Every structure is written in structure tokens, then in C-alpha cells.
Amino acid sequence: MNTQKIGFSPGKELKKLCDDIFNEIYPQIKKQKKGVLSTIIYIILEQEHSQAEQIHKYFQIENNASLEDDLSISADVIGLFISDPNKNKDWWKEIINDGVVQVKEIAKDARKKIGSRLESNDMKLFQIVVIGCLIVGTVSCLIYLKKKQGEVEKKSKNNTPSDSSPPPRRVPVSVALCLVVPAAVVRNLGNVIKDTTINVSDIETLIENASYFLCTSPEYTNAIQLKLTSEDIRNVSEQREIYIRIKIDDGGDMKGKKVPYILKRNLPSNGQGIVEKIACLEYLSVSGLEDFNRI
């Protein structure tokens, strides 16, 4: 017996869900060129890193995949969901079958709503968000949106905690954030100089533009052997790679992270870093970068 409500369309509900997820995630991925699908999955699952890692392993999703590679997964995943049509359909398969038919309509509707801001690259991002929602599952998406709504409501209220006991004292952990970025990015910031402080927003900019990164304990940096030169950063070409090591006193949650979005999310919001080392990498040298994460 079909108990589905009259007028209810699983495809339309999936369409609305994808729109909501895209609007929430878009600001965080709009400038990203690689690893977009990976970032989307980590964002939706948030603290459920083990689930995100299982999904990455199952679908063989790479952290540094190009937009084209992410899009190529779409056909395979959609095919996986709608394969074996001879089996009895359940509620989820109704959503997928109806939703797949409406993928083009989802994109058209997004273009109407977002207008000229949704150019060809953004359409690719939207399609990757859709497939990310299908991979993670609508239930996870709903939980994510509900949590975000709860966070907004919580901020709007000034409730005092019911438990007056002080929280356990948090012991700050120092980390060394090692980045390889183009010289043009360093020069544009203007204040990235050895033995000076650097604020969180500038650190985020460096992470976003890094080609290699590693966040580890300060002691481990002694084992990093890179081929550096004494060239003046101001005089080298814009695309020349610059090595920067930043000490962050309260960055324990950043240690070992392998996804740029996760790394940025765990930056101490009110903290600063100290630029301990900054120098040009020897031209075309990759020696010593074997343990770094490559974007």
C-alpha cells in the first residue's frame, strides 16, 4: 500500500535540500580548485571524521582531486544508486530515481535563484555539492542543517549555563604550520617577515594558496630538510615557491590535519602565530616535501 502523501515529491524535497546545502557551503568552496568533493563531505559530516574517512575510502575520493575528477565520480555514483531496477523500490530509491531525473532542473533553478553569480565554474561546484549530498545521504544533510540552525538560535540568545561549575582547564598545545606558497601571495600580505606575528586571517590566506602544507609538532620540524636559498623574496618571480614555518601556540586541534578546510577550521579564532622561518625554495626542488600534504 502506498502511504506517500498526495502532492509529495521526493525529487522536489531533494532539490530543495541540495539548494540549502549549496547556499550554506558555497562561500567555503567558491575559490577552491582541488579537493572540492572531499571538502564538502568533511563539512557536512563535521566532527564525524571516521565516517568521512570511510566514505573517502569506499568511493576512492582524493583530497587533491580536480573539479573534473570530482565531476567524473557523479556518473558512477548516480549509476550505483539507480542500478538493478528489478528490485522493489523503497523510499530512498524513490528519492534517488526522482532526483536523478531532476538534476538538470536543480541546476536550472539554482541559476535562476543565484543569477549571474553562478557561472560555469560555480555550476561545477553545484553539481559536486549535489553528488556530495547523495554520497553522504540526505539524513546527514538534514542533521547538518538542523545543527546550523540551532547554532544561529543559540547565538541569538544570551542564556547562562545551567551548570555553574567551571569547565576543565584546557592546556594549549603548540604546533608548527609549514606551508609552501607562491611569492606573489606572500608579497600581497606585506607583513610576513621572520620573527614577527601574523594574524589568523593572513594564515588562512596562506593555507588557501598553499601547494604543500604540514602541521606538526615543533620538534618534528628539525627533521625537515628543504633546499632553501637566500634570495630576496621581493625580487623573485611571482610564482616562485616560498617556504614559511609558523608557530601557533594554541593549535593542537590543527596537528596532523590533511584537508585545508579542516586545518583552517581548527585555527584558534583569537590567536596569532609567529613566523619562525621564511625563505625561497630552490627552483623546482621537491626534496624534503615527501611528508607534506600536496594540494
Protein backbone atom coordinates (compact mmCIF):
# COMPACT_ATOMS: atom_id res chain seq x y z
CA MET A 1 0.00 0.00 0.00
CA ASN A 2 1.34 3.42 -0.98
CA THR A 3 1.25 5.69 2.08
CA GLN A 4 3.02 8.63 0.42
CA LYS A 5 1.19 11.91 0.88
CA ILE A 6 -0.66 13.33 -2.12
CA GLY A 7 1.38 16.08 -3.74
CA PHE A 8 4.61 14.99 -2.03
CA SER A 9 7.56 14.73 -4.41
CA PRO A 10 10.79 13.14 -3.12
CA GLY A 11 12.65 14.72 -6.03
CA LYS A 12 11.45 18.21 -5.09
CA GLU A 13 12.46 17.65 -1.48
CA LEU A 14 15.91 16.50 -2.64
CA LYS A 15 16.09 19.55 -4.90
CA LYS A 16 15.33 21.93 -2.02
CA LEU A 17 17.79 20.12 0.23
CA CYS A 18 20.59 20.46 -2.32
CA ASP A 19 19.80 24.17 -2.74
CA ASP A 20 20.02 24.74 1.02
CA ILE A 21 23.26 22.79 1.35
CA PHE A 22 24.81 24.63 -1.61
CA ASN A 23 23.90 28.07 -0.20
CA GLU A 24 25.47 27.09 3.14
CA ILE A 25 28.67 25.58 1.71
CA TYR A 26 29.32 27.76 -1.36
CA PRO A 27 31.24 30.56 0.44
CA GLN A 28 33.74 27.97 1.70
CA ILE A 29 34.43 26.29 -1.65
CA LYS A 30 33.98 29.06 -4.24
CA LYS A 31 37.73 29.69 -4.58
CA GLN A 32 38.80 26.08 -4.20
CA LYS A 33 40.26 24.38 -7.27
CA LYS A 34 41.08 20.94 -5.91
CA GLY A 35 39.57 18.52 -3.40
CA VAL A 36 36.11 20.14 -3.55
CA LEU A 37 34.10 16.92 -3.14
CA SER A 38 36.39 15.87 -0.29
CA THR A 39 35.88 19.22 1.46
CA ILE A 40 32.08 19.04 1.01
CA ILE A 41 31.92 15.63 2.65
CA TYR A 42 34.05 16.78 5.61
CA ILE A 43 31.91 19.93 6.01
CA ILE A 44 28.59 18.05 6.05
CA LEU A 45 29.84 15.36 8.42
CA GLU A 46 31.76 17.94 10.54
CA GLN A 47 33.01 16.08 13.63
CA GLU A 48 32.24 12.64 12.22
CA HIS A 49 35.72 12.28 10.73
CA SER A 50 35.65 8.48 10.86
CA GLN A 51 32.51 8.40 8.72
CA ALA A 52 34.05 10.89 6.28
CA GLU A 53 37.18 8.77 6.01
CA GLN A 54 35.11 5.64 5.37
CA ILE A 55 33.26 7.41 2.56
CA HIS A 56 36.56 8.60 1.07
CA LYS A 57 37.93 5.07 1.16
CA TYR A 58 34.78 3.44 -0.22
CA PHE A 59 34.35 5.85 -3.15
CA GLN A 60 38.14 6.36 -3.61
CA ILE A 61 37.79 10.14 -3.25
CA GLU A 62 41.11 12.01 -3.32
CA ASN A 63 41.80 15.07 -1.13
CA ASN A 64 43.51 16.83 -4.06
CA ALA A 65 41.24 15.73 -6.93
CA SER A 66 40.50 18.26 -9.67
CA LEU A 67 36.98 19.56 -10.39
CA GLU A 68 36.84 17.31 -13.45
CA ASP A 69 37.81 14.25 -11.38
CA ASP A 70 35.11 15.09 -8.83
CA LEU A 71 32.53 15.50 -11.58
CA SER A 72 33.50 12.17 -13.14
CA ILE A 73 32.50 10.46 -9.90
CA SER A 74 28.95 11.78 -10.37
CA ALA A 75 28.04 9.42 -13.21
CA ASP A 76 29.43 6.41 -11.34
CA VAL A 77 27.65 7.27 -8.08
CA ILE A 78 24.31 8.00 -9.73
CA GLY A 79 24.64 4.77 -11.69
CA LEU A 80 25.33 2.93 -8.44
CA PHE A 81 22.15 4.26 -6.82
CA ILE A 82 19.81 3.54 -9.73
CA SER A 83 21.29 0.20 -10.80
CA ASP A 84 19.32 -3.07 -10.57
CA PRO A 85 15.87 -1.59 -11.32
CA ASN A 86 14.22 -5.00 -10.98
CA LYS A 87 14.38 -4.86 -7.19
CA ASN A 88 11.47 -3.46 -5.20
CA LYS A 89 11.73 0.29 -4.73
CA ASP A 90 11.84 1.68 -1.24
CA TRP A 91 11.53 5.30 -0.07
CA TRP A 92 15.21 6.10 -0.62
CA LYS A 93 15.23 4.68 -4.14
CA GLU A 94 12.15 6.77 -4.90
CA ILE A 95 14.14 9.85 -3.90
CA ILE A 96 17.15 8.89 -5.99
CA ASN A 97 15.17 7.88 -9.10
CA ASP A 98 13.05 11.02 -8.98
CA GLY A 99 16.03 13.15 -8.00
CA VAL A 100 18.29 11.95 -10.82
CA VAL A 101 15.64 12.85 -13.38
CA GLN A 102 15.52 16.34 -11.89
CA VAL A 103 19.29 17.01 -11.68
CA LYS A 104 19.10 19.31 -14.71
CA GLU A 105 16.10 21.07 -13.21
CA ILE A 106 18.04 21.57 -9.97
CA ALA A 107 20.85 23.28 -11.87
CA LYS A 108 18.40 25.46 -13.84
CA ASP A 109 16.60 26.51 -10.68
CA ALA A 110 19.90 27.32 -8.95
CA ARG A 111 20.90 29.52 -11.90
CA LYS A 112 17.60 31.44 -11.68
CA LYS A 113 17.95 31.98 -7.93
CA ILE A 114 21.63 32.87 -7.86
CA GLY A 115 21.66 34.69 -11.21
CA SER A 116 24.85 35.84 -12.84
CA ARG A 117 26.93 34.76 -9.84
CA LEU A 118 26.52 31.12 -10.87
CA GLU A 119 28.99 30.94 -13.78
CA SER A 120 30.34 27.78 -15.39
CA ASN A 121 32.80 27.06 -12.57
CA ASP A 122 30.09 27.58 -9.95
CA MET A 123 27.82 25.21 -11.85
CA LYS A 124 30.52 22.56 -11.50
CA LEU A 125 30.68 23.29 -7.76
CA PHE A 126 26.90 22.99 -7.51
CA GLN A 127 26.92 19.63 -9.30
CA ILE A 128 29.66 18.39 -6.95
CA VAL A 129 27.60 19.55 -3.95
CA VAL A 130 24.62 17.57 -5.30
CA ILE A 131 26.66 14.41 -5.67
CA GLY A 132 28.19 15.05 -2.23
CA CYS A 133 24.69 15.12 -0.77
CA LEU A 134 23.84 11.84 -2.49
CA ILE A 135 27.03 10.21 -1.23
CA VAL A 136 26.72 11.36 2.37
CA GLY A 137 22.97 10.81 2.50
CA THR A 138 20.00 13.07 2.97
CA VAL A 139 19.74 12.20 6.65
CA SER A 140 23.25 13.55 7.32
CA CYS A 141 22.40 16.68 5.35
CA LEU A 142 19.26 17.28 7.39
CA ILE A 143 21.18 16.79 10.65
CA TYR A 144 23.83 19.25 9.43
CA LEU A 145 21.28 21.95 8.53
CA LYS A 146 19.38 21.45 11.79
CA LYS A 147 22.60 21.84 13.75
CA LYS A 148 23.48 25.03 11.86
CA GLN A 149 20.02 26.43 12.58
CA GLY A 150 20.46 25.57 16.26
CA GLU A 151 23.83 27.34 16.35
CA VAL A 152 22.24 30.52 14.96
CA GLU A 153 19.41 30.36 17.51
CA LYS A 154 21.86 29.75 20.33
CA LYS A 155 23.91 32.81 19.39
CA SER A 156 20.78 34.97 19.37
CA LYS A 157 20.02 34.06 22.97
CA ASN A 158 22.02 35.09 25.98
CA ASN A 159 21.31 32.13 28.21
CA THR A 160 23.51 31.42 31.20
CA PRO A 161 24.72 27.82 31.56
CA SER A 162 22.68 25.68 33.95
CA ASP A 163 25.88 24.13 35.31
CA SER A 164 27.82 26.80 37.18
CA SER A 165 30.90 24.63 37.62
CA PRO A 166 33.87 25.87 35.58
CA PRO A 167 34.88 23.81 32.55
CA PRO A 168 38.10 21.81 32.80
CA ARG A 169 41.17 23.88 32.10
CA ARG A 170 42.38 23.48 28.53
CA VAL A 171 46.12 23.07 28.11
CA PRO A 172 47.31 24.85 24.92
CA VAL A 173 49.46 22.83 22.56
CA SER A 174 51.99 24.48 20.26
CA VAL A 175 52.27 23.38 16.63
CA ALA A 176 54.40 24.26 13.64
CA LEU A 177 52.45 25.08 10.48
CA CYS A 178 54.69 24.59 7.44
CA LEU A 179 53.48 25.97 4.09
CA VAL A 180 54.75 26.33 0.54
CA VAL A 181 53.06 29.26 -1.23
CA PRO A 182 53.71 31.46 -4.30
CA ALA A 183 55.83 34.55 -3.73
CA ALA A 184 53.01 36.77 -5.04
CA VAL A 185 50.74 35.71 -2.15
CA VAL A 186 53.42 36.46 0.44
CA ARG A 187 54.16 39.86 -1.07
CA ASN A 188 50.47 40.78 -1.23
CA LEU A 189 50.13 40.23 2.51
CA GLY A 190 53.05 42.57 3.05
CA ASN A 191 53.73 41.70 6.68
CA VAL A 192 55.04 38.13 6.52
CA ILE A 193 58.52 38.67 7.96
CA LYS A 194 60.69 36.39 10.08
CA ASP A 195 60.25 36.70 13.87
CA THR A 196 57.05 38.78 13.55
CA THR A 197 53.45 37.95 14.45
CA ILE A 198 50.87 37.02 11.82
CA ASN A 199 47.11 37.12 12.36
CA VAL A 200 44.64 34.31 11.73
CA SER A 201 43.09 35.80 8.58
CA ASP A 202 46.54 36.04 6.93
CA ILE A 203 47.29 32.46 7.96
CA GLU A 204 44.01 31.39 6.33
CA THR A 205 45.05 33.16 3.11
CA LEU A 206 48.37 31.32 3.12
CA ILE A 207 46.63 27.96 3.67
CA GLU A 208 44.17 28.64 0.84
CA ASN A 209 47.03 29.33 -1.58
CA ALA A 210 49.47 26.67 -0.40
CA SER A 211 50.68 23.97 -2.79
CA TYR A 212 52.14 21.94 0.10
CA PHE A 213 51.31 22.02 3.81
CA LEU A 214 52.14 20.19 7.01
CA CYS A 215 51.02 20.87 10.58
CA THR A 216 53.12 19.03 13.12
CA SER A 217 54.88 19.36 16.46
CA PRO A 218 57.65 21.99 16.63
CA GLU A 219 60.17 19.27 17.47
CA TYR A 220 59.48 17.44 14.20
CA THR A 221 60.48 20.45 12.10
CA ASN A 222 64.13 19.75 12.92
CA ALA A 223 63.87 16.67 10.71
CA ILE A 224 62.56 18.65 7.72
CA GLN A 225 65.41 19.20 5.29
CA LEU A 226 64.44 21.50 2.42
CA LYS A 227 66.65 23.08 -0.22
CA LEU A 228 66.31 26.78 0.57
CA THR A 229 68.09 29.81 -0.88
CA SER A 230 69.00 33.23 0.48
CA GLU A 231 67.28 35.09 -2.38
CA ASP A 232 65.27 38.21 -1.58
CA ILE A 233 61.56 37.32 -1.79
CA ARG A 234 60.84 40.80 -3.11
CA ASN A 235 62.92 40.18 -6.23
CA VAL A 236 61.92 36.65 -7.29
CA SER A 237 59.15 35.83 -9.79
CA GLU A 238 55.54 35.83 -8.57
CA GLN A 239 55.17 32.05 -8.99
CA ARG A 240 58.39 31.20 -7.16
CA GLU A 241 57.65 28.93 -4.21
CA ILE A 242 58.24 30.27 -0.70
CA TYR A 243 58.59 28.11 2.41
CA ILE A 244 57.02 29.54 5.58
CA ARG A 245 57.03 27.98 9.06
CA ILE A 246 54.61 29.50 11.58
CA LYS A 247 54.48 28.65 15.28
CA ILE A 248 50.93 28.61 16.68
CA ASP A 249 50.73 28.37 20.47
CA ASP A 250 47.16 27.04 20.75
CA GLY A 251 46.88 24.92 17.62
CA GLY A 252 46.63 21.40 18.99
CA ASP A 253 43.43 20.75 17.02
CA MET A 254 45.30 21.50 13.78
CA LYS A 255 48.02 18.91 14.23
CA GLY A 256 48.08 16.20 11.59
CA LYS A 257 45.11 17.54 9.60
CA LYS A 258 45.33 16.69 5.89
CA VAL A 259 42.48 18.77 4.43
CA PRO A 260 42.90 22.57 4.07
CA TYR A 261 39.32 23.27 5.18
CA ILE A 262 39.76 21.21 8.37
CA LEU A 263 43.10 22.91 9.00
CA LYS A 264 41.55 26.40 8.70
CA ARG A 265 38.52 25.45 10.80
CA ASN A 266 40.76 24.46 13.71
CA LEU A 267 42.80 27.66 13.73
CA PRO A 268 42.48 29.42 17.12
CA SER A 269 39.95 32.18 16.40
CA ASN A 270 41.56 34.84 18.59
CA GLY A 271 45.15 33.73 18.26
CA GLN A 272 48.23 34.72 16.36
CA GLY A 273 51.26 32.97 15.00
CA ILE A 274 54.96 33.70 14.89
CA VAL A 275 56.79 33.47 11.56
CA GLU A 276 59.79 31.37 12.56
CA LYS A 277 61.21 30.82 9.10
CA ILE A 278 60.61 32.19 5.60
CA ALA A 279 62.80 31.57 2.55
CA CYS A 280 62.70 30.73 -1.15
CA LEU A 281 62.69 27.09 -2.14
CA GLU A 282 65.40 26.16 -4.59
CA TYR A 283 63.84 26.39 -8.07
CA LEU A 284 61.83 23.24 -8.95
CA SER A 285 63.09 21.45 -5.84
CA VAL A 286 60.75 18.98 -4.11
CA SER A 287 63.40 17.46 -1.89
CA GLY A 288 62.18 17.26 1.71
CA LEU A 289 58.49 17.68 0.79
CA GLU A 290 57.76 13.95 0.80
CA ASP A 291 55.93 14.10 4.15
CA PHE A 292 53.93 17.22 3.25
CA ASN A 293 50.33 17.16 2.08
CA ARG A 294 50.10 18.24 -1.56
CA ILE A 295 47.11 20.27 -2.77
